[in-house]
């Protein structure tokens, strides 16, 4: 048993759970009120610096919290904190390559890249059967860990479903397919 745990057990045995909990809650509220004042001043001082940044699309996220009225002063400070959070939550969105894209965009990109690669292969005189060999698929999918979509887009220039069917026919499975199989089997 740790030191803090033994100290807490002594407090609880002496004063009871309710009194220890009430005292702890009161202490946390007063410390929260104090820290809110400090960080509110710092956040307000840092707010003008964001106004000087180049203009970009701004996404506002409003956060609404329900505050239980225990002390009028704590409630007022909580409201001030909420107003401050609204000001801070203005986020500048300037990333040209977001991590999450629209599924339609992804499908269009995939289709365009497949078509581009297909044309390149046709111009070079390379047939699909020359690309989709067992050795190539095993190297790209199992060894390098690429997806069927990647092979379709970067190497073959055909639909992803065709790559998946060809690989399955040759007994080659991607890591994703293997993980799905493990999950489905319950292991």
C-alpha atoms as a PDB file:
ATOM      1  CA  UNK A   1       0.000   0.000   0.000  1.00  0.00           C
ATOM      2  CA  UNK A   2       1.404   3.420  -0.947  1.00  0.00           C
ATOM      3  CA  UNK A   3       1.949   6.281   1.499  1.00  0.00           C
ATOM      4  CA  UNK A   4      -0.811   8.398   0.023  1.00  0.00           C
ATOM      5  CA  UNK A   5      -3.257   5.524   0.183  1.00  0.00           C
ATOM      6  CA  UNK A   6      -2.502   4.873   3.847  1.00  0.00           C
ATOM      7  CA  UNK A   7      -2.862   8.603   4.630  1.00  0.00           C
ATOM      8  CA  UNK A   8      -6.220   8.690   2.851  1.00  0.00           C
ATOM      9  CA  UNK A   9      -7.383   5.629   4.768  1.00  0.00           C
ATOM     10  CA  UNK A  10      -6.473   7.380   8.050  1.00  0.00           C
ATOM     11  CA  UNK A  11      -8.427  10.497   7.022  1.00  0.00           C
ATOM     12  CA  UNK A  12     -11.462   8.453   5.972  1.00  0.00           C
ATOM     13  CA  UNK A  13     -11.405   6.424   9.203  1.00  0.00           C
ATOM     14  CA  UNK A  14     -11.141   9.615  11.277  1.00  0.00           C
ATOM     15  CA  UNK A  15     -13.601  11.880   9.441  1.00  0.00           C
ATOM     16  CA  UNK A  16     -15.658   9.648   7.147  1.00  0.00           C
ATOM     17  CA  UNK A  17     -16.019   9.576   3.371  1.00  0.00           C
ATOM     18  CA  UNK A  18     -18.518  12.416   3.116  1.00  0.00           C
ATOM     19  CA  UNK A  19     -16.488  15.000   5.046  1.00  0.00           C
ATOM     20  CA  UNK A  20     -13.246  14.083   3.245  1.00  0.00           C
ATOM     21  CA  UNK A  21     -15.025  14.320  -0.125  1.00  0.00           C
ATOM     22  CA  UNK A  22     -16.739  17.644   0.720  1.00  0.00           C
ATOM     23  CA  UNK A  23     -13.471  19.169   1.927  1.00  0.00           C
ATOM     24  CA  UNK A  24     -11.646  17.967  -1.158  1.00  0.00           C
ATOM     25  CA  UNK A  25     -14.354  19.409  -3.420  1.00  0.00           C
ATOM     26  CA  UNK A  26     -14.161  22.786  -1.654  1.00  0.00           C
ATOM     27  CA  UNK A  27     -10.368  22.847  -1.986  1.00  0.00           C
ATOM     28  CA  UNK A  28     -10.523  21.982  -5.686  1.00  0.00           C
ATOM     29  CA  UNK A  29     -13.125  24.685  -6.349  1.00  0.00           C
ATOM     30  CA  UNK A  30     -11.036  27.380  -4.706  1.00  0.00           C
ATOM     31  CA  UNK A  31      -7.894  26.262  -6.546  1.00  0.00           C
ATOM     32  CA  UNK A  32      -9.836  26.128  -9.813  1.00  0.00           C
ATOM     33  CA  UNK A  33     -11.087  29.678  -9.274  1.00  0.00           C
ATOM     34  CA  UNK A  34      -7.556  30.902  -8.598  1.00  0.00           C
ATOM     35  CA  UNK A  35      -6.014  29.074 -11.571  1.00  0.00           C
ATOM     36  CA  UNK A  36      -8.815  30.275 -13.848  1.00  0.00           C
ATOM     37  CA  UNK A  37      -7.947  33.872 -13.021  1.00  0.00           C
ATOM     38  CA  UNK A  38      -4.275  33.309 -13.768  1.00  0.00           C
ATOM     39  CA  UNK A  39      -4.761  31.467 -17.043  1.00  0.00           C
ATOM     40  CA  UNK A  40      -7.542  33.795 -18.164  1.00  0.00           C
ATOM     41  CA  UNK A  41      -5.142  36.759 -17.922  1.00  0.00           C
ATOM     42  CA  UNK A  42      -2.451  34.888 -19.841  1.00  0.00           C
ATOM     43  CA  UNK A  43      -4.876  33.770 -22.550  1.00  0.00           C
ATOM     44  CA  UNK A  44      -6.250  37.302 -23.022  1.00  0.00           C
ATOM     45  CA  UNK A  45      -2.717  38.627 -23.373  1.00  0.00           C
ATOM     46  CA  UNK A  46      -1.935  36.040 -26.044  1.00  0.00           C
ATOM     47  CA  UNK A  47      -5.178  36.626 -28.008  1.00  0.00           C
ATOM     48  CA  UNK A  48      -4.021  39.821 -29.878  1.00  0.00           C
ATOM     49  CA  UNK A  49      -1.083  37.901 -31.376  1.00  0.00           C
ATOM     50  CA  UNK A  50      -3.490  35.618 -33.252  1.00  0.00           C
ATOM     51  CA  UNK A  51      -5.196  38.629 -34.837  1.00  0.00           C
ATOM     52  CA  UNK A  52      -1.960  39.483 -36.689  1.00  0.00           C
ATOM     53  CA  UNK A  53      -1.765  36.136 -38.482  1.00  0.00           C
ATOM     54  CA  UNK A  54      -2.614  36.007 -42.217  1.00  0.00           C
ATOM     55  CA  UNK A  55      -6.281  35.647 -42.936  1.00  0.00           C
ATOM     56  CA  UNK A  56      -7.482  32.150 -43.651  1.00  0.00           C
ATOM     57  CA  UNK A  57     -10.792  30.351 -43.319  1.00  0.00           C
ATOM     58  CA  UNK A  58     -11.774  30.405 -39.654  1.00  0.00           C
ATOM     59  CA  UNK A  59     -13.678  27.562 -38.079  1.00  0.00           C
ATOM     60  CA  UNK A  60     -15.483  28.478 -34.876  1.00  0.00           C
ATOM     61  CA  UNK A  61     -16.299  25.806 -32.381  1.00  0.00           C
ATOM     62  CA  UNK A  62     -18.558  26.855 -29.563  1.00  0.00           C
ATOM     63  CA  UNK A  63     -18.418  24.862 -26.405  1.00  0.00           C
ATOM     64  CA  UNK A  64     -21.338  25.069 -24.024  1.00  0.00           C
ATOM     65  CA  UNK A  65     -20.990  23.715 -20.540  1.00  0.00           C
ATOM     66  CA  UNK A  66     -23.615  23.415 -17.842  1.00  0.00           C
ATOM     67  CA  UNK A  67     -22.314  24.756 -14.583  1.00  0.00           C
ATOM     68  CA  UNK A  68     -23.888  23.696 -11.334  1.00  0.00           C
ATOM     69  CA  UNK A  69     -24.456  26.793  -9.191  1.00  0.00           C
ATOM     70  CA  UNK A  70     -22.712  26.167  -5.905  1.00  0.00           C
ATOM     71  CA  UNK A  71     -21.198  29.574  -5.292  1.00  0.00           C
ATOM     72  CA  UNK A  72     -22.134  32.698  -7.301  1.00  0.00           C
ATOM     73  CA  UNK A  73     -18.486  33.717  -7.630  1.00  0.00           C
ATOM     74  CA  UNK A  74     -17.437  30.318  -9.029  1.00  0.00           C
ATOM     75  CA  UNK A  75     -20.357  30.387 -11.500  1.00  0.00           C
ATOM     76  CA  UNK A  76     -19.397  33.862 -12.763  1.00  0.00           C
ATOM     77  CA  UNK A  77     -15.778  32.761 -13.193  1.00  0.00           C
ATOM     78  CA  UNK A  78     -16.946  29.685 -15.086  1.00  0.00           C
ATOM     79  CA  UNK A  79     -18.979  31.904 -17.433  1.00  0.00           C
ATOM     80  CA  UNK A  80     -15.918  34.087 -17.981  1.00  0.00           C
ATOM     81  CA  UNK A  81     -13.932  30.966 -18.759  1.00  0.00           C
ATOM     82  CA  UNK A  82     -16.551  29.877 -21.294  1.00  0.00           C
ATOM     83  CA  UNK A  83     -16.344  33.238 -23.058  1.00  0.00           C
ATOM     84  CA  UNK A  84     -12.588  32.942 -23.094  1.00  0.00           C
ATOM     85  CA  UNK A  85     -12.773  29.397 -24.499  1.00  0.00           C
ATOM     86  CA  UNK A  86     -14.940  30.650 -27.374  1.00  0.00           C
ATOM     87  CA  UNK A  87     -12.269  33.192 -28.238  1.00  0.00           C
ATOM     88  CA  UNK A  88      -9.476  30.630 -28.040  1.00  0.00           C
ATOM     89  CA  UNK A  89     -11.359  28.006 -30.046  1.00  0.00           C
ATOM     90  CA  UNK A  90     -11.042  30.031 -33.262  1.00  0.00           C
ATOM     91  CA  UNK A  91      -8.855  27.752 -35.321  1.00  0.00           C
ATOM     92  CA  UNK A  92      -7.002  28.816 -38.428  1.00  0.00           C
ATOM     93  CA  UNK A  93      -7.308  26.155 -41.090  1.00  0.00           C
ATOM     94  CA  UNK A  94      -4.456  26.505 -43.523  1.00  0.00           C
ATOM     95  CA  UNK A  95      -3.292  22.940 -44.141  1.00  0.00           C
ATOM     96  CA  UNK A  96      -3.540  22.350 -47.904  1.00  0.00           C
ATOM     97  CA  UNK A  97      -3.303  18.545 -47.478  1.00  0.00           C
ATOM     98  CA  UNK A  98      -5.733  17.606 -44.726  1.00  0.00           C
ATOM     99  CA  UNK A  99      -5.352  14.179 -43.167  1.00  0.00           C
ATOM    100  CA  UNK A 100      -9.033  13.431 -43.713  1.00  0.00           C
ATOM    101  CA  UNK A 101     -10.455  13.998 -47.165  1.00  0.00           C
ATOM    102  CA  UNK A 102     -13.870  13.591 -48.655  1.00  0.00           C
ATOM    103  CA  UNK A 103     -14.480   9.987 -49.851  1.00  0.00           C
ATOM    104  CA  UNK A 104     -15.637  11.316 -53.232  1.00  0.00           C
ATOM    105  CA  UNK A 105     -12.317  13.121 -53.659  1.00  0.00           C
ATOM    106  CA  UNK A 106     -10.434   9.953 -52.794  1.00  0.00           C
ATOM    107  CA  UNK A 107     -12.410   7.898 -55.333  1.00  0.00           C
ATOM    108  CA  UNK A 108     -11.891  10.526 -58.045  1.00  0.00           C
ATOM    109  CA  UNK A 109      -8.169  10.672 -57.267  1.00  0.00           C
ATOM    110  CA  UNK A 110      -7.878   6.873 -57.346  1.00  0.00           C
ATOM    111  CA  UNK A 111      -9.755   6.611 -60.653  1.00  0.00           C
ATOM    112  CA  UNK A 112      -7.712   9.392 -62.272  1.00  0.00           C
ATOM    113  CA  UNK A 113      -4.418   7.829 -61.169  1.00  0.00           C
ATOM    114  CA  UNK A 114      -5.492   4.369 -62.376  1.00  0.00           C
ATOM    115  CA  UNK A 115      -6.398   5.821 -65.779  1.00  0.00           C
ATOM    116  CA  UNK A 116      -3.112   7.744 -65.993  1.00  0.00           C
ATOM    117  CA  UNK A 117      -1.078   4.625 -65.171  1.00  0.00           C
ATOM    118  CA  UNK A 118      -3.100   2.528 -67.637  1.00  0.00           C
ATOM    119  CA  UNK A 119      -2.259   5.004 -70.423  1.00  0.00           C
ATOM    120  CA  UNK A 120       1.421   5.012 -69.439  1.00  0.00           C
ATOM    121  CA  UNK A 121       1.515   1.224 -69.578  1.00  0.00           C
ATOM    122  CA  UNK A 122      -0.253   1.181 -72.969  1.00  0.00           C
ATOM    123  CA  UNK A 123       2.214   3.714 -74.399  1.00  0.00           C
ATOM    124  CA  UNK A 124       5.139   1.650 -73.089  1.00  0.00           C
ATOM    125  CA  UNK A 125       3.604  -1.515 -74.569  1.00  0.00           C
ATOM    126  CA  UNK A 126       3.261  -3.220 -71.206  1.00  0.00           C
ATOM    127  CA  UNK A 127       0.315  -5.571 -70.766  1.00  0.00           C
ATOM    128  CA  UNK A 128      -1.533  -6.106 -67.528  1.00  0.00           C
ATOM    129  CA  UNK A 129      -0.559  -9.776 -67.409  1.00  0.00           C
ATOM    130  CA  UNK A 130       3.122  -8.753 -67.370  1.00  0.00           C
ATOM    131  CA  UNK A 131       2.554  -6.584 -64.313  1.00  0.00           C
ATOM    132  CA  UNK A 132       0.228  -8.826 -62.313  1.00  0.00           C
ATOM    133  CA  UNK A 133       2.594 -11.732 -61.825  1.00  0.00           C
ATOM    134  CA  UNK A 134       2.659 -13.744 -58.630  1.00  0.00           C
ATOM    135  CA  UNK A 135       6.178 -12.513 -57.813  1.00  0.00           C
ATOM    136  CA  UNK A 136       5.278  -8.842 -58.309  1.00  0.00           C
ATOM    137  CA  UNK A 137       2.056  -9.045 -56.297  1.00  0.00           C
ATOM    138  CA  UNK A 138       3.769 -10.976 -53.498  1.00  0.00           C
ATOM    139  CA  UNK A 139       6.543  -8.359 -53.346  1.00  0.00           C
ATOM    140  CA  UNK A 140       4.245  -5.320 -53.375  1.00  0.00           C
ATOM    141  CA  UNK A 141       1.445  -6.642 -51.158  1.00  0.00           C
ATOM    142  CA  UNK A 142       3.023  -9.052 -48.678  1.00  0.00           C
ATOM    143  CA  UNK A 143       6.659  -7.898 -48.477  1.00  0.00           C
ATOM    144  CA  UNK A 144       6.316  -4.113 -48.910  1.00  0.00           C
ATOM    145  CA  UNK A 145       2.860  -4.022 -47.306  1.00  0.00           C
ATOM    146  CA  UNK A 146       1.088  -1.933 -49.951  1.00  0.00           C
ATOM    147  CA  UNK A 147      -2.676  -2.054 -50.465  1.00  0.00           C
ATOM    148  CA  UNK A 148      -4.551  -3.364 -53.479  1.00  0.00           C
ATOM    149  CA  UNK A 149      -5.505   0.241 -54.243  1.00  0.00           C
ATOM    150  CA  UNK A 150      -1.839   1.274 -54.280  1.00  0.00           C
ATOM    151  CA  UNK A 151      -0.920  -1.514 -56.703  1.00  0.00           C
ATOM    152  CA  UNK A 152      -3.849  -0.555 -58.935  1.00  0.00           C
ATOM    153  CA  UNK A 153      -2.924   3.130 -58.839  1.00  0.00           C
ATOM    154  CA  UNK A 154       0.887   3.033 -58.957  1.00  0.00           C
ATOM    155  CA  UNK A 155       1.735  -0.140 -60.881  1.00  0.00           C
ATOM    156  CA  UNK A 156      -1.102  -1.773 -62.823  1.00  0.00           C
ATOM    157  CA  UNK A 157      -3.499   0.955 -63.946  1.00  0.00           C
ATOM    158  CA  UNK A 158      -6.615  -1.123 -63.402  1.00  0.00           C
ATOM    159  CA  UNK A 159      -9.380  -1.330 -60.810  1.00  0.00           C
ATOM    160  CA  UNK A 160      -8.568  -2.243 -57.239  1.00  0.00           C
ATOM    161  CA  UNK A 161     -11.123  -5.061 -57.349  1.00  0.00           C
ATOM    162  CA  UNK A 162      -9.221  -6.666 -60.215  1.00  0.00           C
ATOM    163  CA  UNK A 163      -5.996  -6.578 -58.186  1.00  0.00           C
ATOM    164  CA  UNK A 164      -7.783  -8.076 -55.165  1.00  0.00           C
ATOM    165  CA  UNK A 165      -9.314 -10.865 -57.236  1.00  0.00           C
ATOM    166  CA  UNK A 166      -6.020 -11.683 -58.967  1.00  0.00           C
ATOM    167  CA  UNK A 167      -4.098 -11.694 -55.683  1.00  0.00           C
ATOM    168  CA  UNK A 168      -6.732 -13.854 -53.994  1.00  0.00           C
ATOM    169  CA  UNK A 169      -6.622 -16.283 -56.895  1.00  0.00           C
ATOM    170  CA  UNK A 170      -2.837 -16.565 -56.406  1.00  0.00           C
ATOM    171  CA  UNK A 171      -3.184 -17.004 -52.629  1.00  0.00           C
ATOM    172  CA  UNK A 172      -1.770 -13.565 -51.775  1.00  0.00           C
ATOM    173  CA  UNK A 173      -3.495 -11.543 -49.040  1.00  0.00           C
ATOM    174  CA  UNK A 174      -2.758  -8.021 -47.860  1.00  0.00           C
ATOM    175  CA  UNK A 175      -2.034  -7.238 -44.224  1.00  0.00           C
ATOM    176  CA  UNK A 176      -5.413  -5.546 -43.948  1.00  0.00           C
ATOM    177  CA  UNK A 177      -7.200  -8.614 -45.286  1.00  0.00           C
ATOM    178  CA  UNK A 178      -5.263 -10.828 -42.879  1.00  0.00           C
ATOM    179  CA  UNK A 179      -6.200  -8.595 -39.928  1.00  0.00           C
ATOM    180  CA  UNK A 180      -9.856  -8.656 -40.962  1.00  0.00           C
ATOM    181  CA  UNK A 181      -9.743 -12.452 -41.154  1.00  0.00           C
ATOM    182  CA  UNK A 182      -8.230 -12.652 -37.663  1.00  0.00           C
ATOM    183  CA  UNK A 183     -10.873 -10.343 -36.269  1.00  0.00           C
ATOM    184  CA  UNK A 184     -13.681 -12.293 -37.919  1.00  0.00           C
ATOM    185  CA  UNK A 185     -12.317 -15.579 -36.596  1.00  0.00           C
ATOM    186  CA  UNK A 186     -12.235 -14.162 -33.059  1.00  0.00           C
ATOM    187  CA  UNK A 187      -8.526 -14.641 -32.360  1.00  0.00           C
END
